[in-house]
PDB file of N, CA and C in Angstrom:
ATOM      1  N   MET A   1      17.218  -9.706  16.933  1.00  0.00           N
ATOM      2  CA  MET A   1      16.117 -10.030  16.038  1.00  0.00           C
ATOM      3  C   MET A   1      15.703 -11.469  16.269  1.00  0.00           C
ATOM      4  N   GLU A   2      14.409 -11.677  16.336  1.00  0.00           N
ATOM      5  CA  GLU A   2      13.922 -13.012  16.625  1.00  0.00           C
ATOM      6  C   GLU A   2      13.879 -13.860  15.362  1.00  0.00           C
ATOM      7  N   HIS A   3      13.948 -15.133  15.564  1.00  0.00           N
ATOM      8  CA  HIS A   3      13.907 -16.071  14.449  1.00  0.00           C
ATOM      9  C   HIS A   3      12.478 -16.167  13.920  1.00  0.00           C
ATOM     10  N   PRO A   4      12.285 -16.138  12.573  1.00  0.00           N
ATOM     11  CA  PRO A   4      10.928 -16.119  12.036  1.00  0.00           C
ATOM     12  C   PRO A   4      10.097 -17.349  12.378  1.00  0.00           C
ATOM     13  N   THR A   5      10.747 -18.446  12.749  1.00  0.00           N
ATOM     14  CA  THR A   5       9.967 -19.636  13.067  1.00  0.00           C
ATOM     15  C   THR A   5       9.551 -19.697  14.527  1.00  0.00           C
ATOM     16  N   SER A   6      10.006 -18.740  15.335  1.00  0.00           N
ATOM     17  CA  SER A   6       9.562 -18.736  16.725  1.00  0.00           C
ATOM     18  C   SER A   6       8.066 -18.439  16.773  1.00  0.00           C
ATOM     19  N   GLU A   7       7.442 -18.759  17.907  1.00  0.00           N
ATOM     20  CA  GLU A   7       6.002 -18.597  18.007  1.00  0.00           C
ATOM     21  C   GLU A   7       5.573 -17.150  17.808  1.00  0.00           C
ATOM     22  N   HIS A   8       6.287 -16.229  18.424  1.00  0.00           N
ATOM     23  CA  HIS A   8       5.929 -14.819  18.267  1.00  0.00           C
ATOM     24  C   HIS A   8       6.135 -14.365  16.825  1.00  0.00           C
ATOM     25  N   GLY A   9       7.218 -14.800  16.209  1.00  0.00           N
ATOM     26  CA  GLY A   9       7.490 -14.423  14.823  1.00  0.00           C
ATOM     27  C   GLY A   9       6.461 -14.996  13.870  1.00  0.00           C
ATOM     28  N   LEU A  10       6.103 -16.247  14.059  1.00  0.00           N
ATOM     29  CA  LEU A  10       5.099 -16.880  13.212  1.00  0.00           C
ATOM     30  C   LEU A  10       3.751 -16.207  13.400  1.00  0.00           C
ATOM     31  N   ARG A  11       3.426 -15.867  14.640  1.00  0.00           N
ATOM     32  CA  ARG A  11       2.159 -15.175  14.918  1.00  0.00           C
ATOM     33  C   ARG A  11       2.118 -13.828  14.206  1.00  0.00           C
ATOM     34  N   THR A  12       3.235 -13.097  14.221  1.00  0.00           N
ATOM     35  CA  THR A  12       3.304 -11.798  13.551  1.00  0.00           C
ATOM     36  C   THR A  12       3.106 -11.953  12.049  1.00  0.00           C
ATOM     37  N   TYR A  13       3.757 -12.959  11.459  1.00  0.00           N
ATOM     38  CA  TYR A  13       3.603 -13.187  10.028  1.00  0.00           C
ATOM     39  C   TYR A  13       2.177 -13.596   9.669  1.00  0.00           C
ATOM     40  N   LEU A  14       1.551 -14.418  10.505  1.00  0.00           N
ATOM     41  CA  LEU A  14       0.180 -14.842  10.221  1.00  0.00           C
ATOM     42  C   LEU A  14      -0.798 -13.675  10.326  1.00  0.00           C
ATOM     43  N   ILE A  15      -0.611 -12.818  11.317  1.00  0.00           N
ATOM     44  CA  ILE A  15      -1.469 -11.628  11.438  1.00  0.00           C
ATOM     45  C   ILE A  15      -1.291 -10.748  10.203  1.00  0.00           C
ATOM     46  N   GLY A  16      -0.057 -10.528   9.793  1.00  0.00           N
ATOM     47  CA  GLY A  16       0.196  -9.733   8.593  1.00  0.00           C
ATOM     48  C   GLY A  16      -0.405 -10.355   7.354  1.00  0.00           C
ATOM     49  N   PHE A  17      -0.300 -11.680   7.252  1.00  0.00           N
ATOM     50  CA  PHE A  17      -0.860 -12.370   6.089  1.00  0.00           C
ATOM     51  C   PHE A  17      -2.375 -12.225   6.034  1.00  0.00           C
ATOM     52  N   VAL A  18      -3.033 -12.420   7.173  1.00  0.00           N
ATOM     53  CA  VAL A  18      -4.493 -12.302   7.213  1.00  0.00           C
ATOM     54  C   VAL A  18      -4.918 -10.877   6.865  1.00  0.00           C
ATOM     55  N   LEU A  19      -4.248  -9.886   7.429  1.00  0.00           N
ATOM     56  CA  LEU A  19      -4.578  -8.497   7.105  1.00  0.00           C
ATOM     57  C   LEU A  19      -4.350  -8.201   5.628  1.00  0.00           C
ATOM     58  N   ALA A  20      -3.258  -8.702   5.068  1.00  0.00           N
ATOM     59  CA  ALA A  20      -2.965  -8.477   3.656  1.00  0.00           C
ATOM     60  C   ALA A  20      -4.026  -9.117   2.766  1.00  0.00           C
ATOM     61  N   VAL A  21      -4.466 -10.314   3.127  1.00  0.00           N
ATOM     62  CA  VAL A  21      -5.512 -10.980   2.341  1.00  0.00           C
ATOM     63  C   VAL A  21      -6.822 -10.198   2.420  1.00  0.00           C
ATOM     64  N   ILE A  22      -7.188  -9.755   3.614  1.00  0.00           N
ATOM     65  CA  ILE A  22      -8.423  -8.979   3.776  1.00  0.00           C
ATOM     66  C   ILE A  22      -8.347  -7.685   2.972  1.00  0.00           C
ATOM     67  N   LEU A  23      -7.205  -7.003   3.042  1.00  0.00           N
ATOM     68  CA  LEU A  23      -7.058  -5.742   2.310  1.00  0.00           C
ATOM     69  C   LEU A  23      -6.953  -5.949   0.806  1.00  0.00           C
ATOM     70  N   SER A  24      -6.729  -7.165   0.363  1.00  0.00           N
ATOM     71  CA  SER A  24      -6.746  -7.468  -1.070  1.00  0.00           C
ATOM     72  C   SER A  24      -8.136  -7.895  -1.530  1.00  0.00           C
ATOM     73  N   VAL A  25      -8.844  -8.627  -0.690  1.00  0.00           N
ATOM     74  CA  VAL A  25     -10.154  -9.152  -1.072  1.00  0.00           C
ATOM     75  C   VAL A  25     -11.200  -8.042  -1.143  1.00  0.00           C
ATOM     76  N   ILE A  26     -11.140  -7.080  -0.242  1.00  0.00           N
ATOM     77  CA  ILE A  26     -12.146  -6.010  -0.210  1.00  0.00           C
ATOM     78  C   ILE A  26     -12.204  -5.251  -1.543  1.00  0.00           C
ATOM     79  N   PRO A  27     -11.086  -4.736  -2.086  1.00  0.00           N
ATOM     80  CA  PRO A  27     -11.186  -4.041  -3.374  1.00  0.00           C
ATOM     81  C   PRO A  27     -11.639  -4.959  -4.516  1.00  0.00           C
ATOM     82  N   PHE A  28     -11.164  -6.209  -4.532  1.00  0.00           N
ATOM     83  CA  PHE A  28     -11.598  -7.126  -5.586  1.00  0.00           C
ATOM     84  C   PHE A  28     -13.100  -7.346  -5.512  1.00  0.00           C
ATOM     85  N   TRP A  29     -13.634  -7.529  -4.304  1.00  0.00           N
ATOM     86  CA  TRP A  29     -15.065  -7.738  -4.155  1.00  0.00           C
ATOM     87  C   TRP A  29     -15.849  -6.503  -4.591  1.00  0.00           C
ATOM     88  N   LEU A  30     -15.369  -5.310  -4.215  1.00  0.00           N
ATOM     89  CA  LEU A  30     -16.072  -4.085  -4.599  1.00  0.00           C
ATOM     90  C   LEU A  30     -16.120  -3.923  -6.111  1.00  0.00           C
ATOM     91  N   VAL A  31     -15.030  -4.225  -6.784  1.00  0.00           N
ATOM     92  CA  VAL A  31     -15.005  -4.086  -8.236  1.00  0.00           C
ATOM     93  C   VAL A  31     -15.893  -5.140  -8.892  1.00  0.00           C
ATOM     94  N   ALA A  32     -15.839  -6.365  -8.403  1.00  0.00           N
ATOM     95  CA  ALA A  32     -16.626  -7.445  -9.008  1.00  0.00           C
ATOM     96  C   ALA A  32     -18.124  -7.281  -8.775  1.00  0.00           C
ATOM     97  N   SER A  33     -18.507  -6.761  -7.611  1.00  0.00           N
ATOM     98  CA  SER A  33     -19.932  -6.685  -7.273  1.00  0.00           C
ATOM     99  C   SER A  33     -20.568  -5.336  -7.616  1.00  0.00           C
ATOM    100  N   HIS A  34     -19.756  -4.343  -7.941  1.00  0.00           N
ATOM    101  CA  HIS A  34     -20.271  -2.985  -8.206  1.00  0.00           C
ATOM    102  C   HIS A  34     -21.113  -2.487  -7.039  1.00  0.00           C
ATOM    103  N   ALA A  35     -20.661  -2.753  -5.814  1.00  0.00           N
ATOM    104  CA  ALA A  35     -21.427  -2.401  -4.616  1.00  0.00           C
ATOM    105  C   ALA A  35     -21.448  -0.896  -4.367  1.00  0.00           C
ATOM    106  N   LEU A  36     -20.438  -0.182  -4.819  1.00  0.00           N
ATOM    107  CA  LEU A  36     -20.352   1.262  -4.617  1.00  0.00           C
ATOM    108  C   LEU A  36     -20.226   1.962  -5.966  1.00  0.00           C
ATOM    109  N   PRO A  37     -20.522   3.254  -6.003  1.00  0.00           N
ATOM    110  CA  PRO A  37     -20.265   4.010  -7.232  1.00  0.00           C
ATOM    111  C   PRO A  37     -18.759   4.010  -7.549  1.00  0.00           C
ATOM    112  N   PRO A  38     -18.406   4.206  -8.823  1.00  0.00           N
ATOM    113  CA  PRO A  38     -16.989   4.126  -9.210  1.00  0.00           C
ATOM    114  C   PRO A  38     -16.056   5.053  -8.422  1.00  0.00           C
ATOM    115  N   GLY A  39     -16.487   6.252  -8.109  1.00  0.00           N
ATOM    116  CA  GLY A  39     -15.638   7.176  -7.358  1.00  0.00           C
ATOM    117  C   GLY A  39     -15.321   6.670  -5.957  1.00  0.00           C
ATOM    118  N   ARG A  40     -16.333   6.162  -5.298  1.00  0.00           N
ATOM    119  CA  ARG A  40     -16.114   5.629  -3.946  1.00  0.00           C
ATOM    120  C   ARG A  40     -15.314   4.336  -3.979  1.00  0.00           C
ATOM    121  N   THR A  41     -15.529   3.539  -5.020  1.00  0.00           N
ATOM    122  CA  THR A  41     -14.741   2.313  -5.156  1.00  0.00           C
ATOM    123  C   THR A  41     -13.259   2.659  -5.311  1.00  0.00           C
ATOM    124  N   MET A  42     -12.944   3.669  -6.109  1.00  0.00           N
ATOM    125  CA  MET A  42     -11.550   4.088  -6.278  1.00  0.00           C
ATOM    126  C   MET A  42     -10.971   4.586  -4.959  1.00  0.00           C
ATOM    127  N   LEU A  43     -11.777   5.304  -4.181  1.00  0.00           N
ATOM    128  CA  LEU A  43     -11.321   5.789  -2.879  1.00  0.00           C
ATOM    129  C   LEU A  43     -11.004   4.625  -1.940  1.00  0.00           C
ATOM    130  N   VAL A  44     -11.876   3.632  -1.899  1.00  0.00           N
ATOM    131  CA  VAL A  44     -11.645   2.461  -1.046  1.00  0.00           C
ATOM    132  C   VAL A  44     -10.403   1.705  -1.518  1.00  0.00           C
ATOM    133  N   ILE A  45     -10.214   1.591  -2.824  1.00  0.00           N
ATOM    134  CA  ILE A  45      -9.028   0.910  -3.351  1.00  0.00           C
ATOM    135  C   ILE A  45      -7.765   1.657  -2.930  1.00  0.00           C
ATOM    136  N   GLY A  46      -7.793   2.975  -3.012  1.00  0.00           N
ATOM    137  CA  GLY A  46      -6.633   3.771  -2.598  1.00  0.00           C
ATOM    138  C   GLY A  46      -6.327   3.626  -1.113  1.00  0.00           C
ATOM    139  N   ILE A  47      -7.360   3.668  -0.293  1.00  0.00           N
ATOM    140  CA  ILE A  47      -7.166   3.516   1.153  1.00  0.00           C
ATOM    141  C   ILE A  47      -6.651   2.116   1.474  1.00  0.00           C
ATOM    142  N   ALA A  48      -7.210   1.108   0.814  1.00  0.00           N
ATOM    143  CA  ALA A  48      -6.752  -0.270   1.045  1.00  0.00           C
ATOM    144  C   ALA A  48      -5.297  -0.434   0.608  1.00  0.00           C
ATOM    145  N   ALA A  49      -4.905   0.242  -0.470  1.00  0.00           N
ATOM    146  CA  ALA A  49      -3.515   0.152  -0.938  1.00  0.00           C
ATOM    147  C   ALA A  49      -2.557   0.767   0.081  1.00  0.00           C
ATOM    148  N   ILE A  50      -2.928   1.911   0.627  1.00  0.00           N
ATOM    149  CA  ILE A  50      -2.072   2.560   1.632  1.00  0.00           C
ATOM    150  C   ILE A  50      -1.978   1.688   2.885  1.00  0.00           C
ATOM    151  N   LEU A  51      -3.107   1.146   3.325  1.00  0.00           N
ATOM    152  CA  LEU A  51      -3.092   0.258   4.484  1.00  0.00           C
ATOM    153  C   LEU A  51      -2.282  -1.008   4.201  1.00  0.00           C
ATOM    154  N   GLN A  52      -2.352  -1.492   2.980  1.00  0.00           N
ATOM    155  CA  GLN A  52      -1.582  -2.674   2.587  1.00  0.00           C
ATOM    156  C   GLN A  52      -0.076  -2.395   2.696  1.00  0.00           C
ATOM    157  N   ILE A  53       0.340  -1.211   2.271  1.00  0.00           N
ATOM    158  CA  ILE A  53       1.753  -0.828   2.386  1.00  0.00           C
ATOM    159  C   ILE A  53       2.169  -0.796   3.849  1.00  0.00           C
ATOM    160  N   LEU A  54       1.339  -0.195   4.700  1.00  0.00           N
ATOM    161  CA  LEU A  54       1.666  -0.114   6.120  1.00  0.00           C
ATOM    162  C   LEU A  54       1.720  -1.503   6.770  1.00  0.00           C
ATOM    163  N   VAL A  55       0.805  -2.398   6.374  1.00  0.00           N
ATOM    164  CA  VAL A  55       0.823  -3.767   6.905  1.00  0.00           C
ATOM    165  C   VAL A  55       2.120  -4.462   6.501  1.00  0.00           C
ATOM    166  N   HIS A  56       2.524  -4.312   5.249  1.00  0.00           N
ATOM    167  CA  HIS A  56       3.757  -4.957   4.796  1.00  0.00           C
ATOM    168  C   HIS A  56       4.976  -4.393   5.519  1.00  0.00           C
ATOM    169  N   LEU A  57       5.007  -3.073   5.695  1.00  0.00           N
ATOM    170  CA  LEU A  57       6.142  -2.472   6.397  1.00  0.00           C
ATOM    171  C   LEU A  57       6.209  -2.945   7.845  1.00  0.00           C
ATOM    172  N   ARG A  58       5.075  -3.059   8.497  1.00  0.00           N
ATOM    173  CA  ARG A  58       5.062  -3.405   9.916  1.00  0.00           C
ATOM    174  C   ARG A  58       5.245  -4.906  10.163  1.00  0.00           C
ATOM    175  N   PHE A  59       4.467  -5.728   9.471  1.00  0.00           N
ATOM    176  CA  PHE A  59       4.439  -7.150   9.807  1.00  0.00           C
ATOM    177  C   PHE A  59       5.464  -7.984   9.051  1.00  0.00           C
ATOM    178  N   PHE A  60       5.865  -7.567   7.861  1.00  0.00           N
ATOM    179  CA  PHE A  60       6.800  -8.373   7.093  1.00  0.00           C
ATOM    180  C   PHE A  60       8.208  -7.790   7.089  1.00  0.00           C
ATOM    181  N   LEU A  61       8.319  -6.475   7.020  1.00  0.00           N
ATOM    182  CA  LEU A  61       9.637  -5.842   7.064  1.00  0.00           C
ATOM    183  C   LEU A  61      10.028  -5.425   8.474  1.00  0.00           C
ATOM    184  N   HIS A  62       9.106  -5.549   9.419  1.00  0.00           N
ATOM    185  CA  HIS A  62       9.346  -5.248  10.844  1.00  0.00           C
ATOM    186  C   HIS A  62       9.866  -3.829  11.056  1.00  0.00           C
ATOM    187  N   LEU A  63       9.286  -2.881  10.339  1.00  0.00           N
ATOM    188  CA  LEU A  63       9.671  -1.484  10.514  1.00  0.00           C
ATOM    189  C   LEU A  63       8.622  -0.784  11.360  1.00  0.00           C
ATOM    190  N   ASN A  64       9.084  -0.059  12.353  1.00  0.00           N
ATOM    191  CA  ASN A  64       8.199   0.805  13.114  1.00  0.00           C
ATOM    192  C   ASN A  64       8.967   2.077  13.434  1.00  0.00           C
ATOM    193  N   PHE A  65       8.277   3.050  13.941  1.00  0.00           N
ATOM    194  CA  PHE A  65       8.895   4.357  14.140  1.00  0.00           C
ATOM    195  C   PHE A  65       9.669   4.467  15.441  1.00  0.00           C
ATOM    196  N   THR A  66       9.625   3.452  16.289  1.00  0.00           N
ATOM    197  CA  THR A  66      10.322   3.548  17.574  1.00  0.00           C
ATOM    198  C   THR A  66      11.678   2.872  17.563  1.00  0.00           C
ATOM    199  N   SER A  67      11.793   1.696  16.915  1.00  0.00           N
ATOM    200  CA  SER A  67      13.053   0.959  17.002  1.00  0.00           C
ATOM    201  C   SER A  67      13.852   0.950  15.700  1.00  0.00           C
ATOM    202  N   THR A  68      13.317   1.488  14.624  1.00  0.00           N
ATOM    203  CA  THR A  68      14.027   1.489  13.347  1.00  0.00           C
ATOM    204  C   THR A  68      14.985   2.670  13.308  1.00  0.00           C
ATOM    205  N   PRO A  69      16.222   2.444  12.874  1.00  0.00           N
ATOM    206  CA  PRO A  69      17.166   3.563  12.777  1.00  0.00           C
ATOM    207  C   PRO A  69      16.648   4.663  11.843  1.00  0.00           C
ATOM    208  N   LYS A  70      17.000   5.900  12.167  1.00  0.00           N
ATOM    209  CA  LYS A  70      16.503   7.035  11.383  1.00  0.00           C
ATOM    210  C   LYS A  70      16.943   6.968   9.930  1.00  0.00           C
ATOM    211  N   GLU A  71      18.137   6.404   9.667  1.00  0.00           N
ATOM    212  CA  GLU A  71      18.614   6.324   8.292  1.00  0.00           C
ATOM    213  C   GLU A  71      17.684   5.453   7.444  1.00  0.00           C
ATOM    214  N   ASN A  72      17.212   4.353   8.019  1.00  0.00           N
ATOM    215  CA  ASN A  72      16.296   3.475   7.282  1.00  0.00           C
ATOM    216  C   ASN A  72      14.964   4.173   7.012  1.00  0.00           C
ATOM    217  N   LEU A  73      14.449   4.876   8.017  1.00  0.00           N
ATOM    218  CA  LEU A  73      13.187   5.584   7.822  1.00  0.00           C
ATOM    219  C   LEU A  73      13.338   6.694   6.792  1.00  0.00           C
ATOM    220  N   LEU A  74      14.459   7.403   6.817  1.00  0.00           N
ATOM    221  CA  LEU A  74      14.691   8.448   5.816  1.00  0.00           C
ATOM    222  C   LEU A  74      14.789   7.845   4.415  1.00  0.00           C
ATOM    223  N   ALA A  75      15.431   6.698   4.288  1.00  0.00           N
ATOM    224  CA  ALA A  75      15.517   6.039   2.988  1.00  0.00           C
ATOM    225  C   ALA A  75      14.132   5.632   2.485  1.00  0.00           C
ATOM    226  N   ILE A  76      13.282   5.130   3.390  1.00  0.00           N
ATOM    227  CA  ILE A  76      11.926   4.736   2.997  1.00  0.00           C
ATOM    228  C   ILE A  76      11.111   5.962   2.590  1.00  0.00           C
ATOM    229  N   VAL A  77      11.212   7.044   3.352  1.00  0.00           N
ATOM    230  CA  VAL A  77      10.483   8.269   3.014  1.00  0.00           C
ATOM    231  C   VAL A  77      10.969   8.823   1.674  1.00  0.00           C
ATOM    232  N   PHE A  78      12.271   8.827   1.449  1.00  0.00           N
ATOM    233  CA  PHE A  78      12.821   9.316   0.184  1.00  0.00           C
ATOM    234  C   PHE A  78      12.322   8.459  -0.980  1.00  0.00           C
ATOM    235  N   THR A  79      12.304   7.151  -0.795  1.00  0.00           N
ATOM    236  CA  THR A  79      11.802   6.257  -1.835  1.00  0.00           C
ATOM    237  C   THR A  79      10.325   6.513  -2.102  1.00  0.00           C
ATOM    238  N   ALA A  80       9.549   6.713  -1.053  1.00  0.00           N
ATOM    239  CA  ALA A  80       8.121   6.986  -1.219  1.00  0.00           C
ATOM    240  C   ALA A  80       7.893   8.293  -1.971  1.00  0.00           C
ATOM    241  N   VAL A  81       8.688   9.311  -1.660  1.00  0.00           N
ATOM    242  CA  VAL A  81       8.554  10.596  -2.362  1.00  0.00           C
ATOM    243  C   VAL A  81       8.895  10.431  -3.837  1.00  0.00           C
ATOM    244  N   LEU A  82       9.967   9.708  -4.135  1.00  0.00           N
ATOM    245  CA  LEU A  82      10.338   9.487  -5.535  1.00  0.00           C
ATOM    246  C   LEU A  82       9.258   8.714  -6.288  1.00  0.00           C
ATOM    247  N   ILE A  83       8.717   7.689  -5.667  1.00  0.00           N
ATOM    248  CA  ILE A  83       7.656   6.917  -6.318  1.00  0.00           C
ATOM    249  C   ILE A  83       6.429   7.786  -6.529  1.00  0.00           C
ATOM    250  N   PHE A  84       6.090   8.600  -5.526  1.00  0.00           N
ATOM    251  CA  PHE A  84       4.945   9.502  -5.660  1.00  0.00           C
ATOM    252  C   PHE A  84       5.154  10.472  -6.817  1.00  0.00           C
ATOM    253  N   ILE A  85       6.357  11.029  -6.946  1.00  0.00           N
ATOM    254  CA  ILE A  85       6.650  11.962  -8.043  1.00  0.00           C
ATOM    255  C   ILE A  85       6.558  11.258  -9.389  1.00  0.00           C
ATOM    256  N   MET A  86       7.113  10.048  -9.477  1.00  0.00           N
ATOM    257  CA  MET A  86       7.090   9.327 -10.758  1.00  0.00           C
ATOM    258  C   MET A  86       5.675   8.905 -11.145  1.00  0.00           C
ATOM    259  N   VAL A  87       4.930   8.340 -10.202  1.00  0.00           N
ATOM    260  CA  VAL A  87       3.569   7.901 -10.511  1.00  0.00           C
ATOM    261  C   VAL A  87       2.668   9.105 -10.747  1.00  0.00           C
ATOM    262  N   GLY A  88       2.766  10.109  -9.874  1.00  0.00           N
ATOM    263  CA  GLY A  88       1.955  11.317 -10.054  1.00  0.00           C
ATOM    264  C   GLY A  88       2.270  12.028 -11.362  1.00  0.00           C
ATOM    265  N   GLY A  89       3.556  12.123 -11.701  1.00  0.00           N
ATOM    266  CA  GLY A  89       3.938  12.742 -12.965  1.00  0.00           C
ATOM    267  C   GLY A  89       3.435  11.954 -14.157  1.00  0.00           C
ATOM    268  N   SER A  90       3.475  10.641 -14.061  1.00  0.00           N
ATOM    269  CA  SER A  90       2.974   9.806 -15.154  1.00  0.00           C
ATOM    270  C   SER A  90       1.473  10.008 -15.340  1.00  0.00           C
ATOM    271  N   PHE A  91       0.729  10.028 -14.229  1.00  0.00           N
ATOM    272  CA  PHE A  91      -0.707  10.285 -14.338  1.00  0.00           C
ATOM    273  C   PHE A  91      -0.979  11.673 -14.897  1.00  0.00           C
ATOM    274  N   TRP A  92      -0.221  12.659 -14.468  1.00  0.00           N
ATOM    275  CA  TRP A  92      -0.382  14.021 -14.966  1.00  0.00           C
ATOM    276  C   TRP A  92      -0.188  14.051 -16.479  1.00  0.00           C
ATOM    277  N   ILE A  93       0.866  13.428 -16.962  1.00  0.00           N
ATOM    278  CA  ILE A  93       1.140  13.395 -18.392  1.00  0.00           C
ATOM    279  C   ILE A  93       0.031  12.660 -19.138  1.00  0.00           C
ATOM    280  N   MET A  94      -0.396  11.518 -18.602  1.00  0.00           N
ATOM    281  CA  MET A  94      -1.430  10.732 -19.280  1.00  0.00           C
ATOM    282  C   MET A  94      -2.763  11.488 -19.352  1.00  0.00           C
ATOM    283  N   PHE A  95      -3.168  12.129 -18.249  1.00  0.00           N
ATOM    284  CA  PHE A  95      -4.412  12.884 -18.270  1.00  0.00           C
ATOM    285  C   PHE A  95      -4.313  14.095 -19.187  1.00  0.00           C
ATOM    286  N   ASP A  96      -3.161  14.753 -19.207  1.00  0.00           N
ATOM    287  CA  ASP A  96      -2.955  15.883 -20.093  1.00  0.00           C
ATOM    288  C   ASP A  96      -3.027  15.445 -21.551  1.00  0.00           C
ATOM    289  N   LEU A  97      -2.380  14.346 -21.879  1.00  0.00           N
ATOM    290  CA  LEU A  97      -2.454  13.826 -23.255  1.00  0.00           C
ATOM    291  C   LEU A  97      -3.879  13.426 -23.620  1.00  0.00           C
ATOM    292  N   HIS A  98      -4.601  12.845 -22.648  1.00  0.00           N
ATOM    293  CA  HIS A  98      -5.969  12.455 -22.914  1.00  0.00           C
ATOM    294  C   HIS A  98      -6.832  13.673 -23.233  1.00  0.00           C
ATOM    295  N   THR A  99      -6.701  14.740 -22.443  1.00  0.00           N
ATOM    296  CA  THR A  99      -7.508  15.933 -22.700  1.00  0.00           C
ATOM    297  C   THR A  99      -7.112  16.599 -24.021  1.00  0.00           C
ATOM    298  N   ARG A 100      -5.831  16.563 -24.364  1.00  0.00           N
ATOM    299  CA  ARG A 100      -5.406  17.167 -25.627  1.00  0.00           C
ATOM    300  C   ARG A 100      -5.880  16.347 -26.827  1.00  0.00           C
ATOM    301  N   MET A 101      -5.881  15.031 -26.691  1.00  0.00           N
ATOM    302  CA  MET A 101      -6.302  14.173 -27.805  1.00  0.00           C
ATOM    303  C   MET A 101      -7.815  14.167 -27.962  1.00  0.00           C
ATOM    304  N   ALA A 102      -8.555  14.355 -26.856  1.00  0.00           N
ATOM    305  CA  ALA A 102     -10.012  14.335 -26.925  1.00  0.00           C
ATOM    306  C   ALA A 102     -10.571  15.614 -27.532  1.00  0.00           C
ATOM    307  N   ALA A 103      -9.803  16.688 -27.481  1.00  0.00           N
ATOM    308  CA  ALA A 103     -10.321  17.980 -27.970  1.00  0.00           C
ATOM    309  C   ALA A 103     -10.308  18.089 -29.459  1.00  0.00           C
TER     310      ALA A 103
END
């Protein structure tokens, strides 16, 4: 593993930082400017969030599918599935409660 202060390591971190900033600024700008309809804005925010996760995994955690041990990738996939179930279940419950309370 290379030292983070080496030129290649610093370059990797700077590329990741710039990408992370861009992927953060785009949704903020869309919400502030109302440039798109709300449905499309939510879609762009979701896509930017997924890309943001991939940027963090690649540039800051240095995970890729070729050199990372399978155990680490399985742990990440398992964590992602659990988070998806918890967040999705929470949204399901909240929307269900909303429809029941609105009726």
